[in-house]
Amino acid sequence: QVQLLESGGGLVQPGGSLTLSCAASGNILGIAAMGWYRQAPGNQRDLVAVITSGGLTTHAESVEGRFNISSDMKTVNLRMNMMKPEDTAVYSCNVRRFGLASWGQGTQVTVSS
């Protein structure tokens, strides 16, 4: 069982920056990938970015060039730059380990002036 603790959400103005962090604890050996998803009201939960234990990263097209994911497979960070109102959502941390997924509780990110 992996426990995930997220931090860093909040309110930011358009064009601003924010960093989300997620710390994993418990059975963290064998984590294959860590990532971030987001869900806006009325929408499905979508992948934002993911990084594998081998260092391969994937970013959603909507955040490519603005967001950057990094991780040591214990903590995963999401640096968000040039933020837009459409980035407003609940962001959730995700860990994949031996074919199973664990989720954080989610943190609200609001982009508004």
Protein backbone atom coordinates (compact mmCIF):
# COMPACT_ATOMS: atom_id res chain seq x y z
CA GLN A 1 0.00 0.00 0.00
CA VAL A 2 1.31 3.41 -1.01
CA GLN A 3 0.16 6.59 0.68
CA LEU A 4 0.39 9.87 -1.19
CA LEU A 5 0.46 13.36 0.32
CA GLU A 6 0.02 16.29 -2.05
CA SER A 7 0.88 19.92 -1.45
CA GLY A 8 1.23 23.18 -3.34
CA GLY A 9 -2.22 23.88 -4.71
CA GLY A 10 -3.88 27.28 -4.51
CA LEU A 11 -4.83 30.41 -6.39
CA VAL A 12 -2.58 31.88 -9.07
CA GLN A 13 -3.06 34.65 -11.60
CA PRO A 14 -3.02 33.95 -15.34
CA GLY A 15 0.56 33.81 -16.54
CA GLY A 16 1.79 32.85 -13.10
CA SER A 17 3.55 29.76 -11.80
CA LEU A 18 2.85 27.10 -9.22
CA THR A 19 4.57 23.91 -8.13
CA LEU A 20 2.74 20.83 -6.91
CA SER A 21 4.51 18.18 -4.86
CA CYS A 22 3.47 14.67 -3.92
CA ALA A 23 5.33 12.53 -1.41
CA ALA A 24 4.92 8.77 -1.39
CA SER A 25 5.21 6.65 1.75
CA GLY A 26 4.58 3.06 2.74
CA ASN A 27 5.54 0.35 0.23
CA ILE A 28 7.40 2.57 -2.24
CA LEU A 29 9.87 -0.03 -3.53
CA GLY A 30 9.00 -1.01 -7.07
CA ILE A 31 7.21 2.17 -8.09
CA ALA A 32 7.19 2.12 -11.88
CA ALA A 33 5.73 5.54 -12.59
CA MET A 34 4.45 8.66 -10.89
CA GLY A 35 2.21 11.24 -12.42
CA TRP A 36 -0.38 13.96 -12.15
CA TYR A 37 -3.95 14.00 -13.39
CA ARG A 38 -6.52 16.76 -13.26
CA GLN A 39 -10.27 17.02 -13.29
CA ALA A 40 -12.23 20.19 -13.94
CA PRO A 41 -15.91 20.44 -12.96
CA GLY A 42 -18.06 18.51 -15.42
CA ASN A 43 -15.06 16.93 -17.11
CA GLN A 44 -13.37 13.56 -16.89
CA ARG A 45 -10.05 13.12 -15.16
CA ASP A 46 -7.23 13.59 -17.65
CA LEU A 47 -3.53 12.89 -17.62
CA VAL A 48 -1.36 15.97 -17.14
CA ALA A 49 2.09 14.40 -17.01
CA VAL A 50 3.77 11.14 -16.06
CA ILE A 51 7.35 10.07 -15.44
CA THR A 52 8.64 6.52 -15.34
CA SER A 53 11.32 5.02 -13.12
CA GLY A 54 13.56 5.13 -16.18
CA GLY A 55 13.10 8.88 -16.49
CA LEU A 56 10.83 8.93 -19.50
CA THR A 57 8.28 11.74 -19.36
CA THR A 58 4.99 12.36 -21.11
CA HIS A 59 3.12 15.65 -20.94
CA ALA A 60 -0.37 16.31 -22.22
CA GLU A 61 -0.41 18.40 -25.37
CA SER A 62 -2.31 21.14 -23.56
CA VAL A 63 0.55 21.66 -21.08
CA GLU A 64 3.55 20.83 -23.28
CA GLY A 65 6.17 23.56 -22.96
CA ARG A 66 4.49 25.08 -19.89
CA PHE A 67 4.49 22.29 -17.30
CA ASN A 68 7.39 20.07 -16.27
CA ILE A 69 7.29 16.88 -14.22
CA SER A 70 10.21 15.59 -12.17
CA SER A 71 10.59 12.77 -9.70
CA ASP A 72 12.98 10.56 -7.74
CA MET A 73 10.27 7.89 -7.42
CA LYS A 74 9.67 8.99 -3.84
CA THR A 75 8.42 12.48 -4.57
CA VAL A 76 6.93 13.80 -7.77
CA ASN A 77 6.79 17.50 -8.58
CA LEU A 78 4.86 19.36 -11.23
CA ARG A 79 6.16 22.79 -12.11
CA MET A 80 3.45 24.79 -13.82
CA ASN A 81 4.39 27.95 -15.72
CA MET A 82 2.44 30.37 -17.91
CA MET A 83 -0.74 29.16 -16.33
CA LYS A 84 -4.11 29.69 -17.97
CA PRO A 85 -7.66 29.81 -16.58
CA GLU A 86 -8.31 26.49 -18.31
CA ASP A 87 -5.69 24.90 -16.05
CA THR A 88 -8.14 25.29 -13.17
CA ALA A 89 -8.92 21.84 -11.79
CA VAL A 90 -8.39 19.41 -8.95
CA TYR A 91 -4.95 17.90 -9.46
CA SER A 92 -4.33 14.37 -8.20
CA CYS A 93 -1.10 12.48 -7.77
CA ASN A 94 -0.91 8.94 -9.12
CA VAL A 95 1.54 6.12 -8.52
CA ARG A 96 1.77 2.83 -10.42
CA ARG A 97 3.40 -0.09 -8.67
CA PHE A 98 3.21 -3.72 -9.78
CA GLY A 99 0.24 -2.97 -11.99
CA LEU A 100 -1.74 -1.23 -9.28
CA ALA A 101 -2.56 2.44 -9.04
CA SER A 102 -2.68 4.59 -5.93
CA TRP A 103 -4.18 8.07 -5.79
CA GLY A 104 -3.72 11.14 -3.66
CA GLN A 105 -6.68 13.02 -2.24
CA GLY A 106 -6.37 15.84 -4.77
CA THR A 107 -5.47 19.51 -4.47
CA GLN A 108 -7.34 22.43 -5.95
CA VAL A 109 -5.58 24.71 -8.42
CA THR A 110 -7.39 27.85 -9.49
CA VAL A 111 -6.11 30.23 -12.16
CA SER A 112 -7.93 33.53 -11.96
CA SER A 113 -7.33 37.24 -11.78
